[in-house]
Protein backbone atom coordinates (compact mmCIF):
# COMPACT_ATOMS: atom_id res chain seq x y z
CA MET A 1 0.00 0.00 0.00
CA MET A 2 2.45 2.64 1.09
CA GLY A 3 5.91 3.04 -0.30
CA PHE A 4 8.59 4.83 1.71
CA SER A 5 12.33 5.45 1.60
CA ASN A 6 14.30 4.18 4.59
CA CYS A 7 15.31 7.13 6.73
CA PHE A 8 15.99 5.56 10.08
CA GLY A 9 18.45 2.81 9.11
CA ALA A 10 17.53 -0.79 9.77
CA PHE A 11 14.02 -1.28 11.10
CA ASP A 12 13.19 -3.40 14.09
CA SER A 13 10.64 -5.90 12.88
CA CYS A 14 7.28 -6.22 14.57
CA LYS A 15 8.35 -9.63 15.79
CA GLU A 16 11.29 -8.22 17.69
CA THR A 17 9.32 -5.53 19.53
CA SER A 18 6.39 -7.66 20.64
CA THR A 19 5.63 -8.68 24.19
CA THR A 20 3.04 -10.91 25.82
CA GLN A 21 1.31 -8.00 27.56
CA ARG A 22 -2.34 -7.31 26.85
CA PRO A 23 -3.25 -4.01 25.11
CA GLN A 24 -4.18 -1.12 27.31
CA GLU A 25 -7.92 -0.93 27.85
CA LEU A 26 -8.31 2.80 27.34
CA ALA A 27 -11.44 4.50 26.11
CA THR A 28 -11.31 5.87 22.58
CA SER A 29 -14.21 7.07 20.48
CA ASN A 30 -13.17 5.82 17.04
CA VAL A 31 -10.00 3.76 17.42
CA ARG A 32 -10.27 0.00 17.52
CA LEU A 33 -7.67 -1.63 19.76
CA PHE A 34 -6.13 -4.76 18.27
CA SER A 35 -4.11 -7.38 20.08
CA TYR A 36 -0.62 -8.09 18.86
CA ASN A 37 -1.51 -11.73 18.25
CA SER A 38 -4.44 -10.81 16.02
CA LEU A 39 -2.21 -8.65 13.81
CA ARG A 40 0.51 -11.28 13.76
CA SER A 41 -2.08 -13.77 12.55
CA ALA A 42 -3.39 -11.29 9.95
CA THR A 43 0.05 -10.93 8.38
CA GLY A 44 1.22 -14.56 8.58
CA ASN A 45 3.56 -13.74 11.46
CA PHE A 46 4.67 -10.58 9.64
CA HIS A 47 5.94 -12.70 6.79
CA PRO A 48 8.23 -10.95 4.27
CA SER A 49 5.80 -11.82 1.47
CA SER A 50 3.18 -9.66 3.24
CA ARG A 51 5.42 -6.61 3.32
CA VAL A 52 4.28 -3.92 0.90
CA GLY A 53 6.41 -0.93 1.93
CA GLY A 54 8.78 0.58 4.43
CA GLY A 55 10.34 3.91 5.25
CA GLY A 56 10.20 7.03 7.38
CA PHE A 57 7.50 6.01 9.85
CA GLY A 58 7.66 2.24 9.67
CA VAL A 59 7.20 -1.02 7.81
CA VAL A 60 3.85 -1.74 6.14
CA TYR A 61 2.33 -5.20 5.76
CA ARG A 62 -0.72 -6.44 3.92
CA GLY A 63 -3.09 -8.25 6.27
CA VAL A 64 -6.49 -9.93 6.49
CA LEU A 65 -8.42 -9.69 9.75
CA ARG A 66 -10.40 -12.60 11.13
CA ASP A 67 -13.63 -11.17 9.73
CA GLY A 68 -12.10 -11.12 6.24
CA THR A 69 -11.39 -7.38 6.12
CA ARG A 70 -8.23 -6.51 4.19
CA VAL A 71 -6.07 -3.93 5.95
CA ALA A 72 -2.65 -2.29 5.81
CA ILE A 73 -0.69 -2.81 9.04
CA LYS A 74 2.09 -0.34 9.80
CA CYS A 75 4.67 -1.19 12.48
CA LEU A 76 6.07 2.16 13.61
CA SER A 77 9.85 2.22 13.52
CA ALA A 78 10.78 4.91 16.03
CA GLU A 79 10.06 5.36 19.71
CA SER A 80 7.09 7.64 20.24
CA LYS A 81 7.65 10.69 22.41
CA GLN A 82 4.32 10.06 24.20
CA GLY A 83 3.31 7.55 26.79
CA THR A 84 0.46 5.14 26.13
CA THR A 85 -2.34 7.53 27.08
CA GLU A 86 -0.90 10.44 25.09
CA PHE A 87 -0.20 8.15 22.12
CA LEU A 88 -3.81 6.94 22.06
CA THR A 89 -5.01 10.53 22.31
CA GLU A 90 -3.05 11.45 19.18
CA ILE A 91 -4.22 8.32 17.36
CA ASN A 92 -7.80 9.08 18.29
CA MET A 93 -7.38 12.60 16.93
CA ILE A 94 -6.04 11.24 13.62
CA SER A 95 -8.90 8.75 13.34
CA ASN A 96 -11.42 11.56 13.82
CA ILE A 97 -10.14 13.32 10.70
CA ARG A 98 -12.25 11.87 7.92
CA HIS A 99 -12.39 12.85 4.27
CA GLN A 100 -12.92 10.95 1.04
CA ASN A 101 -9.35 11.80 -0.01
CA LEU A 102 -7.63 10.71 3.21
CA VAL A 103 -6.65 7.14 4.11
CA GLN A 104 -8.76 6.07 7.08
CA LEU A 105 -7.05 4.91 10.26
CA ILE A 106 -9.02 1.95 11.64
CA GLY A 107 -7.17 1.17 14.86
CA CYS A 108 -3.91 0.42 16.61
CA CYS A 109 -2.02 -2.01 18.82
CA ILE A 110 -0.05 -0.97 21.89
CA GLU A 111 1.71 -3.81 23.67
CA GLY A 112 5.04 -3.26 25.41
CA SER A 113 7.22 -1.26 23.02
CA SER A 114 5.09 -2.17 19.98
CA ARG A 115 3.24 0.67 18.27
CA ILE A 116 1.23 -0.62 15.30
CA LEU A 117 -1.36 1.21 13.21
CA VAL A 118 -4.10 -0.42 11.14
CA TYR A 119 -5.37 1.37 8.02
CA GLU A 120 -7.90 0.70 5.31
CA PHE A 121 -6.36 -1.24 2.45
CA MET A 122 -5.76 0.49 -0.89
CA GLU A 123 -5.85 -2.02 -3.73
CA ASN A 124 -3.64 -0.20 -6.24
CA ASN A 125 -0.75 0.70 -3.96
CA SER A 126 0.77 4.18 -4.29
CA LEU A 127 1.46 6.54 -7.17
CA ALA A 128 5.16 5.81 -6.66
CA SER A 129 4.51 2.20 -7.65
CA SER A 130 1.53 2.46 -10.00
CA LEU A 131 2.75 5.41 -12.08
CA LEU A 132 6.43 6.03 -11.36
CA GLY A 133 7.64 2.52 -10.53
CA SER A 134 9.16 -0.21 -12.67
CA LYS A 135 7.35 -0.90 -15.92
CA GLY A 136 6.14 -4.27 -14.73
CA LYS A 137 4.21 -2.67 -11.88
CA ARG A 138 2.87 0.39 -13.65
CA LEU A 139 -0.79 0.80 -14.42
CA ASP A 140 -2.21 2.40 -17.56
CA ILE A 141 -3.37 5.72 -16.13
CA ASP A 142 -4.77 8.01 -18.81
CA TRP A 143 -4.98 11.79 -18.54
CA PRO A 144 -8.58 12.02 -17.21
CA LYS A 145 -7.58 9.71 -14.35
CA ARG A 146 -4.38 11.65 -13.70
CA ALA A 147 -6.32 14.93 -13.69
CA HIS A 148 -8.78 13.43 -11.19
CA ILE A 149 -5.88 12.30 -8.98
CA CYS A 150 -4.46 15.85 -9.03
CA ILE A 151 -7.75 17.53 -8.13
CA ALA A 152 -8.81 14.99 -5.51
CA THR A 153 -5.40 15.08 -3.82
CA ALA A 154 -5.54 18.89 -3.80
CA ALA A 155 -8.98 18.70 -2.17
CA GLY A 156 -7.71 16.33 0.52
CA LEU A 157 -4.74 18.56 1.28
CA ALA A 158 -6.97 21.65 1.38
CA PHE A 159 -9.13 19.85 3.93
CA LEU A 160 -6.11 19.10 6.13
CA HIS A 161 -4.96 22.71 5.92
CA GLU A 162 -8.26 24.54 6.35
CA GLU A 163 -11.00 22.30 7.74
CA ALA A 164 -9.50 19.48 9.80
CA ASP A 165 -9.58 19.85 13.58
CA PRO A 166 -6.80 20.42 14.41
CA ARG A 167 -5.32 21.81 11.18
CA ILE A 168 -2.54 19.60 9.84
CA VAL A 169 0.56 20.33 7.77
CA HIS A 170 1.43 16.99 6.21
CA ARG A 171 5.21 17.56 5.84
CA ASP A 172 5.75 14.71 3.40
CA ILE A 173 3.52 14.99 0.34
CA LYS A 174 5.03 12.72 -2.31
CA ALA A 175 4.01 9.97 -4.71
CA SER A 176 4.52 7.17 -2.17
CA ASN A 177 2.05 8.84 0.20
CA ILE A 178 -0.70 9.14 -2.41
CA LEU A 179 -2.53 5.82 -2.39
CA LEU A 180 -4.99 4.49 -4.97
CA ASP A 181 -8.08 2.40 -4.39
CA GLU A 182 -9.53 -0.15 -6.83
CA ASN A 183 -11.00 2.68 -8.95
CA LEU A 184 -7.75 4.72 -8.93
CA HIS A 185 -9.32 7.21 -6.54
CA PRO A 186 -6.47 8.83 -4.52
CA LYS A 187 -6.18 9.13 -0.76
CA ILE A 188 -3.44 10.85 1.21
CA GLY A 189 -1.61 8.65 3.72
CA ASP A 190 0.58 9.34 6.77
CA PHE A 191 -1.09 12.64 7.71
CA GLY A 192 -0.63 13.56 11.37
CA LEU A 193 2.01 10.92 12.11
CA ALA A 194 4.86 13.41 12.54
CA LYS A 195 3.37 14.50 15.89
CA LEU A 196 3.96 11.01 17.31
CA PHE A 197 7.75 11.21 17.13
CA PRO A 198 10.52 13.40 18.54
CA ASP A 199 11.59 16.14 16.18
CA ASN A 200 15.11 14.76 15.93
CA VAL A 201 13.97 11.55 14.24
CA THR A 202 11.67 12.99 11.62
CA HIS A 203 11.85 14.87 8.38
CA VAL A 204 14.46 17.62 8.11
CA SER A 205 17.31 16.00 10.02
CA THR A 206 16.99 12.60 8.39
CA ARG A 207 14.76 12.81 5.38
CA VAL A 208 16.36 15.49 3.22
CA ALA A 209 18.44 13.05 1.19
CA GLY A 210 15.49 10.74 0.62
CA THR A 211 12.97 13.16 -0.85
CA VAL A 212 15.01 16.06 -2.14
CA GLY A 213 12.83 16.42 -5.21
CA TYR A 214 9.79 17.38 -3.11
CA LEU A 215 11.28 19.63 -0.43
CA ALA A 216 10.34 23.27 -0.26
CA PRO A 217 13.65 25.10 0.06
CA GLU A 218 12.66 27.12 3.14
CA TYR A 219 11.74 23.89 4.93
CA ALA A 220 14.84 21.98 3.87
CA LEU A 221 17.27 24.77 4.69
CA LEU A 222 15.73 26.41 7.74
CA GLY A 223 13.31 23.82 9.08
CA GLN A 224 10.57 26.43 8.87
CA LEU A 225 7.34 24.60 8.23
CA THR A 226 4.03 26.07 7.06
CA LYS A 227 1.23 24.97 4.78
CA LYS A 228 3.15 26.49 1.89
CA ALA A 229 5.77 23.73 2.18
CA ASP A 230 3.01 21.22 1.42
CA VAL A 231 1.91 23.38 -1.52
CA TYR A 232 5.43 23.19 -2.97
CA SER A 233 5.49 19.41 -2.64
CA PHE A 234 2.07 19.16 -4.26
CA GLY A 235 3.32 21.19 -7.22
CA VAL A 236 6.13 18.69 -7.73
CA LEU A 237 3.61 15.86 -7.51
CA VAL A 238 1.52 17.41 -10.30
CA LEU A 239 4.60 17.59 -12.52
CA GLU A 240 5.24 13.90 -11.84
CA LEU A 241 1.68 13.02 -12.82
CA VAL A 242 2.07 14.99 -16.05
CA SER A 243 5.52 13.67 -16.95
CA GLY A 244 5.24 10.12 -15.61
CA ARG A 245 8.70 10.46 -14.08
CA SER A 246 9.95 10.73 -10.51
CA SER A 247 11.36 14.07 -9.40
CA SER A 248 13.59 12.45 -6.79
CA LYS A 249 15.05 9.84 -9.15
CA ALA A 250 15.13 11.18 -12.69
CA ALA A 251 17.31 13.91 -14.23
CA PHE A 252 16.21 15.90 -17.25
CA GLY A 253 17.90 17.42 -20.28
CA GLU A 254 21.56 17.76 -21.12
CA ASP A 255 22.21 19.60 -17.85
CA LEU A 256 20.60 16.84 -15.76
CA LEU A 257 18.12 19.22 -14.17
CA VAL A 258 15.56 18.30 -11.51
CA LEU A 259 11.95 18.19 -12.66
CA VAL A 260 10.99 21.69 -11.49
CA GLU A 261 14.04 23.22 -13.17
CA TRP A 262 13.40 21.36 -16.41
CA THR A 263 9.77 22.46 -16.47
CA TRP A 264 10.70 26.11 -15.96
CA LYS A 265 13.33 25.89 -18.71
CA LEU A 266 10.77 24.46 -21.14
CA LYS A 267 8.32 27.21 -20.22
CA GLU A 268 10.90 29.91 -20.89
CA GLU A 269 11.71 28.34 -24.25
CA GLY A 270 8.07 27.89 -25.27
CA ARG A 271 8.33 24.09 -25.24
CA LEU A 272 6.21 23.34 -22.19
CA LEU A 273 4.39 20.33 -23.61
CA GLU A 274 7.66 18.45 -24.03
CA ILE A 275 7.38 17.50 -20.37
CA VAL A 276 4.23 15.44 -21.01
CA ASP A 277 4.51 11.68 -20.56
CA PRO A 278 4.81 10.18 -24.09
CA GLU A 279 2.79 7.18 -22.93
CA LEU A 280 -0.28 9.37 -22.46
CA GLY A 281 -1.07 9.35 -26.16
CA GLN A 282 -3.76 11.93 -26.86
CA TYR A 283 -4.56 14.54 -24.24
CA PRO A 284 -6.23 17.98 -24.05
CA GLU A 285 -3.32 20.38 -24.56
CA GLU A 286 -5.01 23.41 -23.01
CA GLU A 287 -5.95 21.55 -19.84
CA ILE A 288 -2.61 19.83 -19.35
CA THR A 289 -0.81 23.13 -19.95
CA ARG A 290 -2.90 24.72 -17.21
CA PHE A 291 -2.02 21.92 -14.80
CA ILE A 292 1.69 22.42 -15.50
CA LYS A 293 1.40 26.15 -14.87
CA VAL A 294 -0.50 25.54 -11.63
CA ALA A 295 2.41 23.35 -10.55
CA LEU A 296 4.80 26.21 -11.28
CA PHE A 297 2.67 28.59 -9.19
CA CYS A 298 2.93 26.08 -6.35
CA THR A 299 6.74 25.80 -6.55
CA GLN A 300 7.67 29.49 -6.60
CA ALA A 301 10.77 30.30 -4.56
CA ALA A 302 9.09 32.69 -2.15
CA ALA A 303 6.69 30.79 0.08
CA HIS A 304 4.23 33.68 0.42
CA GLN A 305 3.80 33.84 -3.36
CA ARG A 306 2.47 30.29 -3.55
CA PRO A 307 -1.31 29.91 -3.55
CA GLY A 308 -3.14 28.18 -0.73
CA MET A 309 -4.54 24.72 -1.44
CA LYS A 310 -8.14 25.92 -1.69
CA GLN A 311 -6.99 28.32 -4.38
CA VAL A 312 -5.08 25.50 -6.07
CA VAL A 313 -8.29 23.48 -6.32
CA LYS A 314 -9.87 26.45 -8.12
CA MET A 315 -6.83 26.85 -10.36
CA LEU A 316 -7.16 23.25 -11.49
CA SER A 317 -10.78 23.78 -12.53
CA LYS A 318 -11.88 24.57 -16.06
CA ASP A 319 -13.46 27.90 -15.13
CA VAL A 320 -10.27 29.73 -14.19
CA ASN A 321 -7.87 31.87 -16.17
CA LEU A 322 -4.38 32.02 -14.64
CA ASN A 323 -2.74 35.40 -14.20
CA GLU A 324 0.72 34.42 -15.44
CA GLN A 325 2.10 37.90 -14.86
CA LEU A 326 2.28 36.98 -11.16
CA LEU A 327 4.24 33.78 -11.79
CA THR A 328 7.84 33.90 -10.57
CA ALA A 329 10.69 31.43 -10.88
CA PRO A 330 10.82 28.28 -8.75
CA GLY A 331 13.28 27.67 -5.98
CA VAL A 332 15.21 24.41 -5.75
CA TYR A 333 16.89 23.01 -2.65
CA ARG A 334 20.31 21.53 -3.39
CA PRO A 335 22.17 19.49 -0.78
CA HIS A 336 25.92 19.82 -1.16
CA ASN A 337 28.03 16.92 -0.02
CA SER A 338 31.40 18.14 -1.18
CA ARG A 339 33.92 19.40 1.34
CA GLN A 340 34.34 22.64 -0.54
CA SER A 341 30.69 23.59 -0.40
CA GLY A 342 30.27 22.90 3.28
CA GLY A 343 26.50 23.10 3.37
CA SER A 344 23.28 23.35 1.43
CA SER A 345 21.77 26.12 -0.62
CA LEU A 346 18.69 27.50 -2.28
CA GLN A 347 18.81 28.17 -5.99
CA ILE A 348 16.28 30.56 -7.43
CA ILE A 349 16.10 29.59 -11.08
CA SER A 350 17.00 32.42 -13.41
CA SER A 351 14.30 33.51 -15.79
CA GLN A 352 14.45 35.32 -19.11
CA SER A 353 11.20 37.07 -18.24
CA ASP A 354 12.52 38.04 -14.81
CA LYS A 355 15.52 39.96 -16.14
CA GLY A 356 15.53 43.44 -14.71
CA LYS A 357 13.19 42.42 -11.90
CA PRO A 358 14.26 42.03 -8.28
CA SER A 359 14.99 38.47 -7.19
CA ALA A 360 12.29 36.54 -5.37
CA ASN A 361 12.31 37.38 -1.69
CA PHE A 362 13.30 34.17 0.11
CA GLU A 363 11.74 34.45 3.52
CA MET A 364 9.11 32.74 5.60
CA SER A 365 6.59 35.54 5.31
CA THR A 366 3.33 33.67 5.07
CA GLY A 367 1.08 36.41 6.37
CA LEU A 368 0.85 37.89 2.88
CA ASP A 369 -1.22 35.67 0.63
CA THR A 370 -1.63 36.94 -2.91
CA SER A 371 -3.49 33.83 -4.05
CA GLU A 372 -6.79 35.60 -4.68
CA SER A 373 -5.19 37.63 -7.46
CA VAL A 374 -3.57 34.61 -9.07
CA THR A 375 -6.75 33.59 -10.87
CA GLN A 376 -9.72 35.23 -12.46
CA MET A 377 -12.98 33.32 -12.55
CA LEU A 378 -14.33 33.04 -16.07
CA PRO A 379 -18.04 33.43 -16.86
CA ARG A 380 -19.85 30.13 -17.41
């Protein structure tokens, strides 16, 4: 179901962290408490053949409960910063957040040091596997389905940002966290999990190398996290859906550019449609061009110039005309491993149309939101 890159080194398996203690009998409104033995049985003793993913938050297994329900069982890989009561409080909060574009948390297991989460099962795995993975695993996803995935994912993220209680910044929007059901309807996974772990074992300190292609530069460099970091990552995701290639794995053009850079270069040269996945066949050029430009609005270097996710949903609709005069160049985070460089940097991509204009202001000023002027609603 969920694909992840390993950020914590070797994982302790669920087998190694189990104990014979019974789960805590604590009252929760929506969370079902599972015994360790029931989840062990559901996964064939956590057999390697049941494993479907692993990475930042834990190892994921495919399982079947005793009543026949198929589930995804995630064994968390790091020690939680909360005790049992606090952990269940957080899990209960996550389970209360329900939306058609969010993966539903069904329950959990807490026995000894084991922390295991049980999710609804998503039949078509993640976008990382179904669209960007090896050819043998890829599905034939045409443009109408890809457009639906973009819009539905944007709606789910807008819900997390603006309507969920409490509001949630995801921190790790990427193809492996966008899961697909049997009808290729997308749902966002792993939302809210970052709150379960100490800051020093999540994201910036350990994850930069694993998901460089998605990281908003202000988050990667300064650790400053707002909703606009999710917007940046979403923009990259849209470009992946259009191109059919992974931003974190593929390099583009003679200069081996990252996906955002390559897209901006093609825009400046009037060759924007060259980014489109050749396997798409026929597609509506005007619509796909709009989606690409929306992605560029989302990945602008200055965080405050990116639209909010509710505005992004509007921008992806057919009744909106984009105000391209407000579009500025993307920013790209580049980790430097050489001794000479001694650190990391932000690159604001140079633009032919930006010559003579001041450079984008790289700061975490999110109070100013110019998103309402980014689009103009067209008459029906």
